């Protein structure tokens, strides 16, 4: 039974990866961060700022408000103070830099940052077994969050 379950999980992972390739989505392991930036969209299309705003606030997805404050989300409770306030993020970082930060912040800031990489499989050790090989956000959700952050100007 365990062998069948492991085979099924491996097949499901392969089908997901094949589906991502067929749809033009860049797989997490294929994202190239160069000079602190990911220049190309992970999906080949621009994200939706409105959807990104939702992902940003959703405590089961991005949960960005757990660490960051942003005036645009003042209707949300409990903004964090661990990370920098993101008002003016679009003035401080380019869209390509924002994408790199969301994809894998540790490769941009340092391994010491507590911000997770939202679209990387490089997540450290002792990962819960059911989460191995999974990203926190999908490529589309990353593009949506980047589109939202790109609206945050002073």
Protein backbone atom coordinates (compact mmCIF):
# COMPACT_ATOMS: atom_id res chain seq x y z
CA UNK A 1 0.00 0.00 0.00
CA UNK A 2 2.84 2.40 0.91
CA UNK A 3 4.61 1.67 -2.39
CA UNK A 4 1.42 2.43 -4.33
CA UNK A 5 0.97 5.69 -2.41
CA UNK A 6 4.57 6.77 -3.09
CA UNK A 7 4.15 5.87 -6.78
CA UNK A 8 0.91 7.86 -6.95
CA UNK A 9 2.58 10.89 -5.29
CA UNK A 10 5.52 10.71 -7.72
CA UNK A 11 3.14 10.50 -10.70
CA UNK A 12 1.10 13.45 -9.40
CA UNK A 13 4.27 15.54 -9.00
CA UNK A 14 5.39 14.64 -12.53
CA UNK A 15 1.96 15.51 -13.95
CA UNK A 16 2.03 18.86 -12.12
CA UNK A 17 5.49 19.66 -13.45
CA UNK A 18 4.49 18.60 -16.97
CA UNK A 19 1.35 20.72 -16.75
CA UNK A 20 3.38 23.72 -15.61
CA UNK A 21 5.77 23.32 -18.53
CA UNK A 22 2.92 22.93 -21.00
CA UNK A 23 1.25 26.09 -19.71
CA UNK A 24 4.45 28.15 -20.01
CA UNK A 25 4.92 28.51 -16.26
CA UNK A 26 8.52 28.62 -15.05
CA UNK A 27 9.07 25.80 -12.55
CA UNK A 28 10.47 26.87 -9.15
CA UNK A 29 13.80 25.15 -9.79
CA UNK A 30 14.16 26.93 -13.14
CA UNK A 31 13.75 30.50 -11.88
CA UNK A 32 16.89 32.49 -12.57
CA UNK A 33 17.74 35.29 -10.16
CA UNK A 34 20.45 37.47 -11.68
CA UNK A 35 21.76 40.68 -10.13
CA UNK A 36 18.95 40.58 -7.56
CA UNK A 37 16.19 40.39 -10.16
CA UNK A 38 13.90 37.99 -11.99
CA UNK A 39 13.26 39.89 -15.20
CA UNK A 40 10.68 37.66 -16.86
CA UNK A 41 7.20 36.86 -15.62
CA UNK A 42 6.93 33.36 -14.15
CA UNK A 43 3.74 32.82 -16.13
CA UNK A 44 4.47 34.76 -19.30
CA UNK A 45 1.76 37.26 -18.37
CA UNK A 46 1.29 40.19 -16.04
CA UNK A 47 -0.35 39.52 -12.71
CA UNK A 48 -3.53 41.06 -11.34
CA UNK A 49 -2.94 43.74 -8.70
CA UNK A 50 -6.45 43.17 -7.32
CA UNK A 51 -5.78 39.45 -6.85
CA UNK A 52 -2.32 40.20 -5.47
CA UNK A 53 -3.86 42.46 -2.84
CA UNK A 54 -6.02 39.53 -1.72
CA UNK A 55 -3.09 37.07 -1.63
CA UNK A 56 -1.01 39.63 0.29
CA UNK A 57 -3.65 39.84 3.04
CA UNK A 58 -4.75 36.19 3.07
CA UNK A 59 -3.36 34.57 6.21
CA UNK A 60 -3.48 31.15 4.52
CA UNK A 61 -1.54 32.29 1.45
CA UNK A 62 0.94 35.15 1.41
CA UNK A 63 0.27 36.28 4.97
CA UNK A 64 2.45 39.30 4.19
CA UNK A 65 0.68 41.41 6.79
CA UNK A 66 2.06 39.19 9.53
CA UNK A 67 5.40 40.96 9.03
CA UNK A 68 4.71 44.06 6.91
CA UNK A 69 2.52 47.12 7.36
CA UNK A 70 0.96 48.81 4.34
CA UNK A 71 -1.41 51.75 4.42
CA UNK A 72 -3.40 50.44 1.44
CA UNK A 73 -4.56 47.55 3.65
CA UNK A 74 -5.56 49.67 6.64
CA UNK A 75 -8.91 47.84 6.83
CA UNK A 76 -6.99 44.67 7.76
CA UNK A 77 -6.09 44.04 11.40
CA UNK A 78 -2.70 43.27 12.88
CA UNK A 79 -0.04 44.60 10.54
CA UNK A 80 3.40 43.32 11.45
CA UNK A 81 6.54 45.26 12.26
CA UNK A 82 9.16 42.59 11.65
CA UNK A 83 9.72 43.51 8.01
CA UNK A 84 9.81 47.00 6.55
CA UNK A 85 6.61 48.91 5.86
CA UNK A 86 5.82 48.42 2.19
CA UNK A 87 4.37 51.84 1.45
CA UNK A 88 6.48 53.06 -1.46
CA UNK A 89 7.79 49.57 -2.31
CA UNK A 90 7.37 50.34 -6.01
CA UNK A 91 9.58 53.40 -5.58
CA UNK A 92 12.33 51.39 -3.88
CA UNK A 93 12.42 48.27 -6.04
CA UNK A 94 11.75 47.52 -9.69
CA UNK A 95 9.16 44.94 -10.68
CA UNK A 96 11.98 42.46 -11.46
CA UNK A 97 13.53 43.05 -8.03
CA UNK A 98 10.16 42.66 -6.30
CA UNK A 99 9.64 39.37 -8.16
CA UNK A 100 13.05 38.10 -6.97
CA UNK A 101 12.29 39.09 -3.37
CA UNK A 102 8.95 37.27 -3.41
CA UNK A 103 10.37 34.22 -5.20
CA UNK A 104 13.30 33.70 -2.82
CA UNK A 105 14.07 36.49 -0.37
CA UNK A 106 16.99 34.58 1.14
CA UNK A 107 18.86 34.81 -2.16
CA UNK A 108 18.35 38.59 -2.14
CA UNK A 109 18.81 39.58 1.51
CA UNK A 110 20.59 36.71 3.28
CA UNK A 111 19.94 33.31 4.80
CA UNK A 112 19.30 35.15 8.08
CA UNK A 113 16.07 36.80 6.86
CA UNK A 114 12.94 35.29 8.33
CA UNK A 115 10.99 36.08 5.16
CA UNK A 116 10.27 32.82 3.37
CA UNK A 117 10.83 32.22 -0.30
CA UNK A 118 7.33 31.95 -1.71
CA UNK A 119 8.26 30.22 -4.99
CA UNK A 120 11.31 28.12 -4.25
CA UNK A 121 11.97 24.56 -3.25
CA UNK A 122 15.09 25.66 -1.36
CA UNK A 123 13.35 25.80 2.01
CA UNK A 124 15.91 24.34 4.36
CA UNK A 125 15.79 21.15 6.35
CA UNK A 126 13.19 19.37 8.44
CA UNK A 127 10.35 20.24 6.07
CA UNK A 128 7.07 18.52 6.80
CA UNK A 129 6.89 15.49 4.48
CA UNK A 130 3.59 16.49 2.87
CA UNK A 131 5.09 19.89 1.92
CA UNK A 132 8.26 18.62 0.24
CA UNK A 133 8.32 19.73 -3.38
CA UNK A 134 5.63 22.37 -2.92
CA UNK A 135 5.84 26.14 -2.98
CA UNK A 136 3.95 28.52 -0.73
CA UNK A 137 2.48 30.43 -3.67
CA UNK A 138 1.84 29.45 -7.26
CA UNK A 139 3.62 31.25 -10.09
CA UNK A 140 0.38 33.10 -10.87
CA UNK A 141 0.00 34.21 -7.24
CA UNK A 142 3.59 35.48 -7.23
CA UNK A 143 2.86 37.54 -10.36
CA UNK A 144 -0.32 38.87 -8.72
CA UNK A 145 1.58 39.90 -5.55
CA UNK A 146 4.28 41.56 -7.67
CA UNK A 147 1.58 43.46 -9.62
CA UNK A 148 0.09 44.60 -6.30
CA UNK A 149 3.44 45.65 -4.82
CA UNK A 150 4.13 47.60 -8.02
CA UNK A 151 1.12 49.80 -7.17
CA UNK A 152 2.53 50.80 -3.76
CA UNK A 153 4.06 54.20 -4.43
CA UNK A 154 4.67 57.07 -2.02
